[in-house]
């Protein structure tokens, strides 16, 4: 499984910012899969370029806009393709 699939997996459950995703990685899977902030943002940009995620800008006063990422319908099959088929 790639970082792309891990991020799509999180986005499959809830929209997140890159900062939120970094906190999730640090508190849940960091001990076996570390990801630094720059890797997460590069991956989010790639997911958006591929049409697997879309970014929503949320204006904030006195702060930069929040960039919240959502998985797209095109991203759902790509996320599922990251898992091997189950044996019956």
C-alpha atoms as a PDB file:
ATOM      1  CA  UNK A   1       0.000   0.000   0.000  1.00  0.00           C
ATOM      2  CA  UNK A   2       1.314   3.437  -0.899  1.00  0.00           C
ATOM      3  CA  UNK A   3       1.008   6.753   0.875  1.00  0.00           C
ATOM      4  CA  UNK A   4      -1.566   7.671  -1.799  1.00  0.00           C
ATOM      5  CA  UNK A   5      -3.785   4.802  -0.690  1.00  0.00           C
ATOM      6  CA  UNK A   6      -3.321   5.529   3.006  1.00  0.00           C
ATOM      7  CA  UNK A   7      -4.394   9.153   2.539  1.00  0.00           C
ATOM      8  CA  UNK A   8      -7.319   8.145   0.311  1.00  0.00           C
ATOM      9  CA  UNK A   9      -8.334   5.738   3.071  1.00  0.00           C
ATOM     10  CA  UNK A  10      -8.497   8.538   5.622  1.00  0.00           C
ATOM     11  CA  UNK A  11     -10.311  10.820   3.165  1.00  0.00           C
ATOM     12  CA  UNK A  12     -12.770   8.022   2.451  1.00  0.00           C
ATOM     13  CA  UNK A  13     -14.115   8.466   5.990  1.00  0.00           C
ATOM     14  CA  UNK A  14     -13.874  12.233   6.420  1.00  0.00           C
ATOM     15  CA  UNK A  15     -12.515  15.330   4.620  1.00  0.00           C
ATOM     16  CA  UNK A  16      -9.238  16.562   6.141  1.00  0.00           C
ATOM     17  CA  UNK A  17      -6.603  19.242   5.746  1.00  0.00           C
ATOM     18  CA  UNK A  18      -2.957  18.288   5.267  1.00  0.00           C
ATOM     19  CA  UNK A  19      -2.323  19.394   8.841  1.00  0.00           C
ATOM     20  CA  UNK A  20      -5.133  17.145  10.114  1.00  0.00           C
ATOM     21  CA  UNK A  21      -3.723  14.205   8.159  1.00  0.00           C
ATOM     22  CA  UNK A  22      -0.278  14.757   9.676  1.00  0.00           C
ATOM     23  CA  UNK A  23      -1.804  14.673  13.182  1.00  0.00           C
ATOM     24  CA  UNK A  24      -3.658  11.462  12.313  1.00  0.00           C
ATOM     25  CA  UNK A  25      -0.470   9.826  11.032  1.00  0.00           C
ATOM     26  CA  UNK A  26       1.422  10.909  14.141  1.00  0.00           C
ATOM     27  CA  UNK A  27      -1.186   9.550  16.551  1.00  0.00           C
ATOM     28  CA  UNK A  28      -2.193   6.354  14.796  1.00  0.00           C
ATOM     29  CA  UNK A  29       0.253   4.737  12.384  1.00  0.00           C
ATOM     30  CA  UNK A  30       3.531   6.628  12.845  1.00  0.00           C
ATOM     31  CA  UNK A  31       5.197   3.726  14.651  1.00  0.00           C
ATOM     32  CA  UNK A  32       5.148   1.636  11.450  1.00  0.00           C
ATOM     33  CA  UNK A  33       4.538   4.241   8.738  1.00  0.00           C
ATOM     34  CA  UNK A  34       6.073   7.682   9.303  1.00  0.00           C
ATOM     35  CA  UNK A  35       5.109  10.460   6.896  1.00  0.00           C
ATOM     36  CA  UNK A  36       6.451  13.978   7.101  1.00  0.00           C
ATOM     37  CA  UNK A  37       4.387  17.068   6.331  1.00  0.00           C
ATOM     38  CA  UNK A  38       5.991  17.661   2.926  1.00  0.00           C
ATOM     39  CA  UNK A  39       5.269  14.066   1.812  1.00  0.00           C
ATOM     40  CA  UNK A  40       1.626  14.468   2.779  1.00  0.00           C
ATOM     41  CA  UNK A  41       1.235  17.753   0.871  1.00  0.00           C
ATOM     42  CA  UNK A  42       3.017  16.366  -2.222  1.00  0.00           C
ATOM     43  CA  UNK A  43       0.735  13.352  -2.125  1.00  0.00           C
ATOM     44  CA  UNK A  44      -2.387  15.502  -1.750  1.00  0.00           C
ATOM     45  CA  UNK A  45      -1.299  17.557  -4.789  1.00  0.00           C
ATOM     46  CA  UNK A  46      -0.764  14.351  -6.799  1.00  0.00           C
ATOM     47  CA  UNK A  47      -4.154  12.965  -5.738  1.00  0.00           C
ATOM     48  CA  UNK A  48      -5.769  16.207  -6.856  1.00  0.00           C
ATOM     49  CA  UNK A  49      -3.912  16.133 -10.209  1.00  0.00           C
ATOM     50  CA  UNK A  50      -5.113  12.564 -10.780  1.00  0.00           C
ATOM     51  CA  UNK A  51      -8.695  13.557  -9.975  1.00  0.00           C
ATOM     52  CA  UNK A  52      -8.806  11.265  -6.936  1.00  0.00           C
ATOM     53  CA  UNK A  53      -9.229  14.124  -4.452  1.00  0.00           C
ATOM     54  CA  UNK A  54     -10.534  17.655  -4.612  1.00  0.00           C
ATOM     55  CA  UNK A  55      -9.513  20.601  -2.465  1.00  0.00           C
ATOM     56  CA  UNK A  56     -12.054  22.975  -0.940  1.00  0.00           C
ATOM     57  CA  UNK A  57     -10.861  26.413   0.224  1.00  0.00           C
ATOM     58  CA  UNK A  58     -12.503  27.610   3.409  1.00  0.00           C
ATOM     59  CA  UNK A  59     -11.864  31.300   4.103  1.00  0.00           C
ATOM     60  CA  UNK A  60     -10.781  32.280   7.610  1.00  0.00           C
ATOM     61  CA  UNK A  61     -10.351  35.697   9.117  1.00  0.00           C
ATOM     62  CA  UNK A  62      -6.856  36.614  10.272  1.00  0.00           C
ATOM     63  CA  UNK A  63      -5.507  33.283   8.996  1.00  0.00           C
ATOM     64  CA  UNK A  64      -4.740  31.682   5.655  1.00  0.00           C
ATOM     65  CA  UNK A  65      -7.602  29.818   3.997  1.00  0.00           C
ATOM     66  CA  UNK A  66      -8.095  26.217   5.114  1.00  0.00           C
ATOM     67  CA  UNK A  67      -7.570  23.687   2.334  1.00  0.00           C
ATOM     68  CA  UNK A  68      -9.818  20.721   3.029  1.00  0.00           C
ATOM     69  CA  UNK A  69      -9.427  17.648   0.841  1.00  0.00           C
ATOM     70  CA  UNK A  70     -12.260  15.299  -0.122  1.00  0.00           C
ATOM     71  CA  UNK A  71     -12.023  11.970  -1.909  1.00  0.00           C
ATOM     72  CA  UNK A  72     -13.806  11.954  -5.287  1.00  0.00           C
ATOM     73  CA  UNK A  73     -15.898   9.208  -6.841  1.00  0.00           C
ATOM     74  CA  UNK A  74     -12.918   8.540  -9.123  1.00  0.00           C
ATOM     75  CA  UNK A  75     -10.706   8.207  -6.057  1.00  0.00           C
ATOM     76  CA  UNK A  76     -12.791   5.508  -4.387  1.00  0.00           C
ATOM     77  CA  UNK A  77     -11.925   2.728  -6.867  1.00  0.00           C
ATOM     78  CA  UNK A  78      -8.277   3.852  -6.803  1.00  0.00           C
ATOM     79  CA  UNK A  79      -8.293   3.538  -3.017  1.00  0.00           C
ATOM     80  CA  UNK A  80      -9.812   0.051  -3.183  1.00  0.00           C
ATOM     81  CA  UNK A  81      -7.302  -1.011  -5.857  1.00  0.00           C
ATOM     82  CA  UNK A  82      -4.547  -0.585  -3.265  1.00  0.00           C
ATOM     83  CA  UNK A  83      -5.699  -3.719  -1.459  1.00  0.00           C
ATOM     84  CA  UNK A  84      -5.110  -7.252  -2.673  1.00  0.00           C
ATOM     85  CA  UNK A  85      -8.165  -9.280  -3.564  1.00  0.00           C
ATOM     86  CA  UNK A  86      -9.500 -11.431  -0.734  1.00  0.00           C
ATOM     87  CA  UNK A  87      -9.235 -15.172  -1.069  1.00  0.00           C
ATOM     88  CA  UNK A  88     -12.404 -17.124  -0.624  1.00  0.00           C
END
